[in-house]
Structure formats: C-alpha cells, structure tokens
N, C-alpha and C. Protein backbone atom coordinates (compact mmCIF):
# COMPACT_ATOMS: atom_id res chain seq x y z
N MET A 1 118.79 116.85 103.83
CA MET A 1 117.89 115.78 104.22
C MET A 1 116.51 116.05 103.65
N SER A 2 115.88 115.01 103.15
CA SER A 2 114.56 115.14 102.55
C SER A 2 113.48 115.19 103.63
N PHE A 3 112.51 116.01 103.41
CA PHE A 3 111.37 116.18 104.31
C PHE A 3 110.34 115.08 104.12
N ARG A 4 110.33 114.44 102.97
CA ARG A 4 109.25 113.50 102.62
C ARG A 4 109.11 112.32 103.59
N PRO A 5 110.17 111.65 104.03
CA PRO A 5 109.97 110.57 105.00
C PRO A 5 109.39 111.07 106.32
N ILE A 6 109.79 112.26 106.73
CA ILE A 6 109.24 112.84 107.96
C ILE A 6 107.77 113.16 107.75
N ALA A 7 107.45 113.75 106.60
CA ALA A 7 106.05 114.06 106.30
C ALA A 7 105.21 112.79 106.27
N ALA A 8 105.74 111.73 105.68
CA ALA A 8 104.99 110.48 105.59
C ALA A 8 104.77 109.86 106.97
N ALA A 9 105.78 109.92 107.84
CA ALA A 9 105.63 109.39 109.20
C ALA A 9 104.61 110.22 109.99
N LEU A 10 104.69 111.54 109.88
CA LEU A 10 103.71 112.39 110.56
C LEU A 10 102.30 112.14 110.02
N ALA A 11 102.19 111.95 108.72
CA ALA A 11 100.90 111.64 108.12
C ALA A 11 100.36 110.32 108.66
N GLY A 12 101.25 109.35 108.86
CA GLY A 12 100.84 108.07 109.44
C GLY A 12 100.29 108.24 110.84
N VAL A 13 100.87 109.16 111.61
CA VAL A 13 100.34 109.43 112.96
C VAL A 13 98.97 110.11 112.84
N ALA A 14 98.83 111.06 111.91
CA ALA A 14 97.53 111.70 111.71
C ALA A 14 96.48 110.67 111.31
N GLY A 15 96.86 109.74 110.44
CA GLY A 15 95.95 108.66 110.06
C GLY A 15 95.58 107.80 111.25
N THR A 16 96.54 107.59 112.15
CA THR A 16 96.30 106.78 113.34
C THR A 16 95.29 107.45 114.27
N VAL A 17 95.34 108.76 114.36
CA VAL A 17 94.36 109.49 115.18
C VAL A 17 92.96 109.28 114.62
N ALA A 18 92.81 109.44 113.29
CA ALA A 18 91.50 109.24 112.66
C ALA A 18 91.06 107.78 112.80
N MET A 19 91.99 106.87 112.64
CA MET A 19 91.70 105.44 112.77
C MET A 19 91.21 105.12 114.18
N THR A 20 91.87 105.69 115.17
CA THR A 20 91.51 105.44 116.56
C THR A 20 90.10 105.95 116.85
N ALA A 21 89.76 107.12 116.32
CA ALA A 21 88.41 107.66 116.50
C ALA A 21 87.38 106.72 115.85
N ALA A 22 87.68 106.25 114.65
CA ALA A 22 86.77 105.31 113.97
C ALA A 22 86.69 103.99 114.73
N MET A 23 87.82 103.53 115.25
CA MET A 23 87.88 102.28 116.00
C MET A 23 86.98 102.35 117.24
N ARG A 24 87.07 103.46 117.95
CA ARG A 24 86.24 103.63 119.16
C ARG A 24 84.76 103.53 118.81
N ARG A 25 84.37 104.21 117.75
CA ARG A 25 82.96 104.24 117.39
C ARG A 25 82.48 102.89 116.86
N LEU A 26 83.26 102.27 116.00
CA LEU A 26 82.85 100.98 115.44
C LEU A 26 82.86 99.88 116.49
N ASN A 27 83.79 99.94 117.42
CA ASN A 27 83.87 98.93 118.47
C ASN A 27 82.58 98.90 119.29
N ARG A 28 81.97 100.06 119.50
CA ARG A 28 80.71 100.14 120.25
C ARG A 28 79.56 99.44 119.52
N GLN A 29 79.68 99.34 118.19
CA GLN A 29 78.62 98.76 117.38
C GLN A 29 78.75 97.24 117.24
N LEU A 30 79.89 96.69 117.64
CA LEU A 30 80.12 95.26 117.50
C LEU A 30 79.25 94.47 118.47
N PRO A 31 78.89 93.24 118.10
CA PRO A 31 78.21 92.38 119.07
C PRO A 31 79.11 92.16 120.28
N ALA A 32 78.53 91.91 121.42
CA ALA A 32 79.30 91.75 122.66
C ALA A 32 80.39 90.69 122.52
N SER A 33 80.12 89.63 121.77
CA SER A 33 81.09 88.54 121.62
C SER A 33 82.33 88.97 120.83
N ALA A 34 82.23 90.07 120.08
CA ALA A 34 83.37 90.56 119.28
C ALA A 34 84.04 91.76 119.93
N ARG A 35 83.53 92.19 121.10
CA ARG A 35 84.06 93.38 121.77
C ARG A 35 85.06 92.99 122.84
N TYR A 36 86.22 92.53 122.43
CA TYR A 36 87.32 92.25 123.35
C TYR A 36 88.46 93.17 122.98
N PRO A 37 89.56 93.21 123.74
CA PRO A 37 90.60 94.21 123.45
C PRO A 37 90.97 94.26 121.97
N LEU A 38 91.11 95.47 121.48
CA LEU A 38 91.45 95.68 120.08
C LEU A 38 92.93 95.35 119.84
N PRO A 39 93.31 95.11 118.59
CA PRO A 39 94.66 94.64 118.29
C PRO A 39 95.81 95.43 118.92
N PRO A 40 95.77 96.75 118.97
CA PRO A 40 96.92 97.41 119.60
C PRO A 40 97.14 96.95 121.05
N ARG A 41 96.05 96.80 121.79
CA ARG A 41 96.16 96.35 123.18
C ARG A 41 96.49 94.85 123.24
N GLU A 42 95.88 94.08 122.36
CA GLU A 42 96.18 92.64 122.32
C GLU A 42 97.67 92.40 122.10
N LEU A 43 98.26 93.20 121.22
CA LEU A 43 99.69 93.04 120.93
C LEU A 43 100.54 93.36 122.15
N VAL A 44 100.17 94.38 122.90
CA VAL A 44 100.91 94.73 124.12
C VAL A 44 100.77 93.60 125.14
N GLU A 45 99.57 93.07 125.28
CA GLU A 45 99.35 91.99 126.24
C GLU A 45 100.07 90.71 125.84
N ALA A 46 100.19 90.47 124.52
CA ALA A 46 100.83 89.24 124.05
C ALA A 46 102.35 89.37 123.96
N GLY A 47 102.83 90.60 123.90
CA GLY A 47 104.24 90.82 123.58
C GLY A 47 105.22 90.79 124.72
N GLY A 48 104.80 90.59 125.93
CA GLY A 48 105.78 90.62 127.01
C GLY A 48 105.15 90.45 128.37
N PRO A 49 105.87 90.86 129.38
CA PRO A 49 105.36 90.69 130.74
C PRO A 49 104.15 91.59 130.99
N ASP A 50 103.34 91.19 131.98
CA ASP A 50 102.20 92.01 132.36
C ASP A 50 102.69 93.37 132.85
N LEU A 51 102.05 94.40 132.35
CA LEU A 51 102.40 95.76 132.75
C LEU A 51 101.29 96.32 133.63
N PRO A 52 101.63 97.19 134.57
CA PRO A 52 100.57 97.86 135.33
C PRO A 52 99.68 98.65 134.37
N GLU A 53 98.41 98.75 134.68
CA GLU A 53 97.43 99.33 133.76
C GLU A 53 97.81 100.69 133.17
N PRO A 54 98.18 101.69 133.94
CA PRO A 54 98.50 102.96 133.28
C PRO A 54 99.65 102.83 132.28
N LEU A 55 100.65 102.02 132.60
CA LEU A 55 101.78 101.84 131.69
C LEU A 55 101.35 101.05 130.45
N ALA A 56 100.51 100.05 130.62
CA ALA A 56 100.02 99.27 129.49
C ALA A 56 99.25 100.17 128.51
N GLU A 57 98.47 101.10 129.03
CA GLU A 57 97.74 102.04 128.17
C GLU A 57 98.71 102.92 127.39
N GLU A 58 99.75 103.42 128.06
CA GLU A 58 100.73 104.28 127.39
C GLU A 58 101.51 103.52 126.32
N VAL A 59 101.91 102.29 126.64
CA VAL A 59 102.65 101.47 125.68
C VAL A 59 101.76 101.15 124.48
N THR A 60 100.48 100.89 124.73
CA THR A 60 99.54 100.62 123.64
C THR A 60 99.45 101.83 122.72
N LEU A 61 99.27 103.01 123.29
CA LEU A 61 99.17 104.23 122.49
C LEU A 61 100.46 104.48 121.71
N LEU A 62 101.58 104.36 122.37
CA LEU A 62 102.87 104.58 121.71
C LEU A 62 103.10 103.56 120.59
N GLY A 63 102.79 102.30 120.86
CA GLY A 63 102.96 101.27 119.84
C GLY A 63 102.05 101.50 118.64
N HIS A 64 100.80 101.87 118.92
CA HIS A 64 99.84 102.12 117.85
C HIS A 64 100.29 103.30 116.98
N ALA A 65 100.67 104.39 117.61
CA ALA A 65 101.13 105.56 116.86
C ALA A 65 102.45 105.27 116.14
N GLY A 66 103.32 104.52 116.80
CA GLY A 66 104.61 104.18 116.18
C GLY A 66 104.44 103.31 114.95
N TYR A 67 103.53 102.35 115.02
CA TYR A 67 103.28 101.49 113.86
C TYR A 67 102.63 102.30 112.73
N GLY A 68 101.73 103.21 113.10
CA GLY A 68 101.13 104.09 112.09
C GLY A 68 102.18 104.97 111.43
N ALA A 69 103.12 105.48 112.21
CA ALA A 69 104.20 106.31 111.65
C ALA A 69 105.10 105.48 110.74
N ALA A 70 105.46 104.29 111.18
CA ALA A 70 106.36 103.44 110.38
C ALA A 70 105.72 103.02 109.07
N THR A 71 104.46 102.57 109.13
CA THR A 71 103.80 102.16 107.89
C THR A 71 103.45 103.36 107.02
N GLY A 72 103.21 104.51 107.65
CA GLY A 72 103.00 105.74 106.88
C GLY A 72 104.27 106.15 106.15
N ALA A 73 105.41 106.00 106.80
CA ALA A 73 106.68 106.38 106.18
C ALA A 73 106.98 105.53 104.95
N ILE A 74 106.49 104.32 104.92
CA ILE A 74 106.72 103.41 103.79
C ILE A 74 105.78 103.71 102.62
N MET A 75 104.62 104.26 102.90
CA MET A 75 103.58 104.46 101.89
C MET A 75 104.08 105.12 100.60
N PRO A 76 104.78 106.26 100.65
CA PRO A 76 105.17 106.90 99.39
C PRO A 76 106.17 106.07 98.57
N LEU A 77 106.86 105.16 99.24
CA LEU A 77 107.78 104.29 98.51
C LEU A 77 107.03 103.26 97.68
N LEU A 78 105.86 102.85 98.17
CA LEU A 78 105.06 101.84 97.49
C LEU A 78 103.98 102.42 96.60
N ILE A 79 103.55 103.64 96.92
CA ILE A 79 102.49 104.30 96.16
C ILE A 79 102.99 105.67 95.71
N PRO A 80 103.64 105.73 94.57
CA PRO A 80 104.20 107.02 94.14
C PRO A 80 103.15 108.09 93.86
N ARG A 81 101.96 107.70 93.41
CA ARG A 81 100.89 108.67 93.16
C ARG A 81 99.90 108.59 94.31
N THR A 82 100.18 109.36 95.34
CA THR A 82 99.38 109.31 96.55
C THR A 82 98.04 110.01 96.33
N SER A 83 96.97 109.28 96.60
CA SER A 83 95.61 109.84 96.57
C SER A 83 94.86 109.19 97.73
N VAL A 84 93.71 109.74 98.06
CA VAL A 84 92.92 109.16 99.15
C VAL A 84 92.55 107.72 98.81
N LEU A 85 92.16 107.47 97.56
CA LEU A 85 91.80 106.10 97.17
C LEU A 85 93.01 105.17 97.28
N ASN A 86 94.15 105.58 96.72
CA ASN A 86 95.35 104.74 96.82
C ASN A 86 95.76 104.54 98.28
N GLY A 87 95.61 105.58 99.09
CA GLY A 87 95.93 105.47 100.51
C GLY A 87 95.02 104.47 101.20
N ALA A 88 93.72 104.53 100.88
CA ALA A 88 92.79 103.58 101.48
C ALA A 88 93.14 102.15 101.07
N LEU A 89 93.49 101.96 99.80
CA LEU A 89 93.91 100.63 99.35
C LEU A 89 95.17 100.19 100.07
N TYR A 90 96.08 101.12 100.28
CA TYR A 90 97.30 100.80 101.04
C TYR A 90 96.94 100.41 102.48
N GLY A 91 95.98 101.10 103.07
CA GLY A 91 95.51 100.73 104.41
C GLY A 91 94.97 99.31 104.45
N GLY A 92 94.23 98.93 103.41
CA GLY A 92 93.74 97.55 103.32
C GLY A 92 94.89 96.56 103.20
N LEU A 93 95.91 96.93 102.45
CA LEU A 93 97.10 96.08 102.31
C LEU A 93 97.82 95.93 103.65
N VAL A 94 97.93 97.02 104.40
CA VAL A 94 98.56 96.97 105.72
C VAL A 94 97.78 96.02 106.62
N TRP A 95 96.43 96.11 106.60
CA TRP A 95 95.62 95.19 107.41
C TRP A 95 95.91 93.75 107.01
N MET A 96 95.87 93.48 105.70
CA MET A 96 96.05 92.11 105.22
C MET A 96 97.43 91.56 105.60
N LEU A 97 98.48 92.33 105.33
CA LEU A 97 99.83 91.85 105.63
C LEU A 97 100.07 91.70 107.13
N SER A 98 99.38 92.52 107.92
CA SER A 98 99.55 92.46 109.37
C SER A 98 98.73 91.33 109.98
N TYR A 99 97.42 91.32 109.74
CA TYR A 99 96.52 90.42 110.46
C TYR A 99 96.33 89.06 109.81
N LEU A 100 96.78 88.93 108.57
CA LEU A 100 96.79 87.62 107.93
C LEU A 100 98.23 87.15 107.70
N GLY A 101 99.19 88.02 108.02
CA GLY A 101 100.59 87.75 107.71
C GLY A 101 101.51 87.71 108.90
N TRP A 102 102.27 88.78 109.10
CA TRP A 102 103.38 88.75 110.06
C TRP A 102 102.93 88.61 111.52
N ILE A 103 101.78 89.17 111.89
CA ILE A 103 101.37 89.09 113.30
C ILE A 103 101.03 87.64 113.70
N PRO A 104 100.17 86.94 112.94
CA PRO A 104 99.95 85.54 113.32
C PRO A 104 101.20 84.68 113.11
N ALA A 105 102.01 84.99 112.09
CA ALA A 105 103.24 84.21 111.87
C ALA A 105 104.19 84.35 113.05
N SER A 106 104.16 85.51 113.72
CA SER A 106 105.03 85.72 114.87
C SER A 106 104.51 85.02 116.13
N GLY A 107 103.26 84.57 116.08
CA GLY A 107 102.65 83.92 117.23
C GLY A 107 102.05 84.89 118.23
N LEU A 108 102.04 86.19 117.91
CA LEU A 108 101.51 87.18 118.85
C LEU A 108 99.99 87.14 118.95
N LEU A 109 99.32 87.03 117.81
CA LEU A 109 97.86 87.01 117.78
C LEU A 109 97.38 85.94 116.82
N LYS A 110 96.12 85.56 116.98
CA LYS A 110 95.50 84.62 116.04
C LYS A 110 95.33 85.31 114.69
N ASN A 111 95.30 84.50 113.66
CA ASN A 111 95.02 84.96 112.31
C ASN A 111 93.64 85.62 112.31
N ALA A 112 93.47 86.65 111.50
CA ALA A 112 92.19 87.37 111.43
C ALA A 112 91.04 86.44 111.07
N ALA A 113 91.32 85.39 110.33
CA ALA A 113 90.26 84.44 109.95
C ALA A 113 89.64 83.76 111.18
N CYS A 114 90.31 83.80 112.31
CA CYS A 114 89.79 83.20 113.55
C CYS A 114 88.92 84.17 114.34
N HIS A 115 88.82 85.41 113.90
CA HIS A 115 88.02 86.41 114.61
C HIS A 115 86.63 86.51 113.97
N PRO A 116 85.66 87.03 114.70
CA PRO A 116 84.31 87.18 114.13
C PRO A 116 84.33 88.10 112.90
N PRO A 117 83.52 87.77 111.89
CA PRO A 117 83.48 88.61 110.68
C PRO A 117 83.19 90.08 110.97
N SER A 118 82.31 90.37 111.93
CA SER A 118 81.98 91.77 112.24
C SER A 118 83.21 92.52 112.73
N ARG A 119 84.04 91.85 113.51
CA ARG A 119 85.26 92.47 114.01
C ARG A 119 86.24 92.71 112.87
N ASN A 120 86.39 91.73 111.99
CA ASN A 120 87.28 91.90 110.84
C ASN A 120 86.82 93.04 109.94
N LEU A 121 85.51 93.12 109.69
CA LEU A 121 85.01 94.21 108.86
C LEU A 121 85.30 95.57 109.50
N ALA A 122 85.14 95.65 110.81
CA ALA A 122 85.45 96.90 111.51
C ALA A 122 86.94 97.23 111.39
N MET A 123 87.80 96.23 111.57
CA MET A 123 89.24 96.47 111.50
C MET A 123 89.68 96.83 110.08
N ILE A 124 89.06 96.21 109.08
CA ILE A 124 89.36 96.59 107.69
C ILE A 124 88.93 98.03 107.45
N ALA A 125 87.71 98.37 107.90
CA ALA A 125 87.20 99.73 107.71
C ALA A 125 88.12 100.77 108.33
N VAL A 126 88.60 100.52 109.54
CA VAL A 126 89.44 101.53 110.18
C VAL A 126 90.81 101.61 109.50
N HIS A 127 91.26 100.53 108.89
CA HIS A 127 92.52 100.59 108.13
C HIS A 127 92.33 101.37 106.83
N LEU A 128 91.13 101.29 106.24
CA LEU A 128 90.85 102.11 105.06
C LEU A 128 90.84 103.58 105.44
N VAL A 129 90.23 103.89 106.59
CA VAL A 129 90.25 105.27 107.11
C VAL A 129 91.69 105.71 107.32
N TRP A 130 92.49 104.87 107.99
CA TRP A 130 93.89 105.21 108.25
C TRP A 130 94.61 105.54 106.94
N GLY A 131 94.47 104.67 105.96
CA GLY A 131 95.19 104.89 104.71
C GLY A 131 94.74 106.14 103.98
N GLY A 132 93.44 106.37 103.92
CA GLY A 132 92.93 107.57 103.24
C GLY A 132 93.37 108.85 103.92
N VAL A 133 93.28 108.89 105.24
CA VAL A 133 93.69 110.08 105.98
C VAL A 133 95.22 110.25 105.90
N THR A 134 95.95 109.16 105.97
CA THR A 134 97.41 109.24 105.85
C THR A 134 97.81 109.83 104.51
N ALA A 135 97.17 109.38 103.44
CA ALA A 135 97.48 109.91 102.11
C ALA A 135 97.14 111.40 102.02
N LEU A 136 95.98 111.78 102.56
CA LEU A 136 95.57 113.18 102.53
C LEU A 136 96.53 114.05 103.34
N ALA A 137 96.91 113.59 104.52
CA ALA A 137 97.85 114.34 105.36
C ALA A 137 99.22 114.44 104.69
N TYR A 138 99.66 113.38 104.04
CA TYR A 138 100.94 113.40 103.34
C TYR A 138 100.94 114.44 102.22
N LYS A 139 99.86 114.45 101.44
CA LYS A 139 99.77 115.44 100.36
C LYS A 139 99.79 116.85 100.93
N GLU A 140 99.09 117.06 102.04
CA GLU A 140 99.05 118.39 102.65
C GLU A 140 100.43 118.80 103.17
N LEU A 141 101.10 117.88 103.85
CA LEU A 141 102.42 118.21 104.41
C LEU A 141 103.47 118.43 103.33
N THR A 142 103.44 117.64 102.27
CA THR A 142 104.42 117.85 101.20
C THR A 142 104.12 119.12 100.42
N SER A 143 102.84 119.47 100.29
CA SER A 143 102.48 120.75 99.67
C SER A 143 102.94 121.91 100.55
N ALA A 144 102.78 121.76 101.86
CA ALA A 144 103.24 122.80 102.78
C ALA A 144 104.74 122.96 102.68
N GLN A 145 105.46 121.86 102.53
CA GLN A 145 106.91 121.95 102.40
C GLN A 145 107.28 122.79 101.19
N GLU A 146 106.61 122.53 100.08
CA GLU A 146 106.92 123.24 98.84
C GLU A 146 106.49 124.70 98.91
N GLU A 147 105.41 124.99 99.62
CA GLU A 147 104.85 126.34 99.60
C GLU A 147 105.26 127.22 100.77
N ILE A 148 105.36 126.66 101.98
CA ILE A 148 105.62 127.54 103.12
C ILE A 148 106.83 127.17 103.95
N PHE A 149 107.32 125.93 103.84
CA PHE A 149 108.48 125.53 104.63
C PHE A 149 109.78 125.70 103.86
N ALA A 150 109.70 125.93 102.56
CA ALA A 150 110.90 126.07 101.75
C ALA A 150 111.57 127.41 102.06
N GLY A 151 112.82 127.52 101.72
CA GLY A 151 113.59 128.72 102.03
C GLY A 151 113.45 129.82 101.00
N HIS A 152 112.31 129.90 100.35
CA HIS A 152 112.05 130.97 99.38
C HIS A 152 110.63 131.45 99.55
N ASP A 153 110.32 132.56 98.89
CA ASP A 153 108.98 133.12 99.00
C ASP A 153 107.96 132.21 98.33
N ALA A 154 106.79 132.13 98.93
CA ALA A 154 105.69 131.37 98.33
C ALA A 154 105.16 132.15 97.13
N PRO A 155 104.60 131.45 96.15
CA PRO A 155 104.04 132.15 94.99
C PRO A 155 102.89 133.06 95.44
N ASP A 156 102.69 134.13 94.68
CA ASP A 156 101.57 135.04 94.96
C ASP A 156 100.25 134.29 94.78
N ALA A 157 99.26 134.70 95.56
CA ALA A 157 97.96 134.03 95.52
C ALA A 157 97.35 134.10 94.13
N ASP A 158 97.56 135.23 93.38
CA ASP A 158 96.94 135.34 92.07
C ASP A 158 97.82 134.80 90.95
N GLN A 159 98.98 134.33 91.29
CA GLN A 159 99.87 133.78 90.26
C GLN A 159 99.32 132.43 89.78
N GLU A 160 99.28 132.28 88.45
CA GLU A 160 98.77 131.02 87.91
C GLU A 160 99.85 129.97 87.96
N PHE A 161 99.43 128.74 88.10
CA PHE A 161 100.36 127.62 88.17
C PHE A 161 100.38 126.87 86.87
C-alpha cells in the first residue's frame, strides 16, 4: 500500500489546523455585518436537524478536518509538482469550486457572491493558507517516508545526493 494518499490526507488536516488559526484571526478583523458563523458551522447548521451545542461544535470540527483531509488527499493527483505556491493555488481552486460551485448548487449555502467582499477575501486568504501549508506538510511527510519510515537505513548525513 502506498503511503502517499495517507500523507496527503494528513497534510490536509495539518493545513486545516493552520487555516483554522488564520480563520479565527481574520474573522475578528471583519466588520460586524460580516461576522456570522463561518462556513464549516454554516454547513452543519444547514445540513440536518438542530444539534445540541456541544455536539454541533464537534461535528463542525470533524467535518472541517474531514473535508481538509479529503481535499488534501486529492491534491497530489491534480498537482504532481507540489510546492507551497502550487498548494496555495490549489487552495484557491478548492475555495472556488466549493463556494461558487457544489455548495450553493446543493442548496446548503448561498453562493459566495452573495456574501460581503471582506468575508470572501478572508475565506480566500485562509484557503490559500490551507493549500500552502498542505503542500508543505505533504512534502515533509513524503520526505520522511523516504528517509525515516522506509525499511532501510537512512543515508548518512554527509553523503551527497
């Protein structure tokens, strides 16, 4: 079994952690009119019956991390030369396909064009962070696989590559 899909999914979760940190900080900077529940929570609220608050928070976190893992797992299939820049561009593509595409098409949330520009800019920015960090984490994990997780000795530190 190949390690790469697992590495990509884990990288997507790492990207989601960084994205969440950026989301928290940028959300505080938004005008009050744009500071309503962020998309992960909006999706939970729109997707089914009302949940008690502690459970709704857990489902939101799980859904957010799960979506980050799933879209992270797809990244190497679409971007064979993973770099922070390509990852950030992929993050922008994920935002576009999600918030201008399948999410409004499903009827779960309004199209991003219906949200305040400041909110959209914040959401685009955090998706760029997600993609860049996901790409960086993927490169690190796949390098670790080759160097320390493989069933052979790692090259000597002074050995040239």
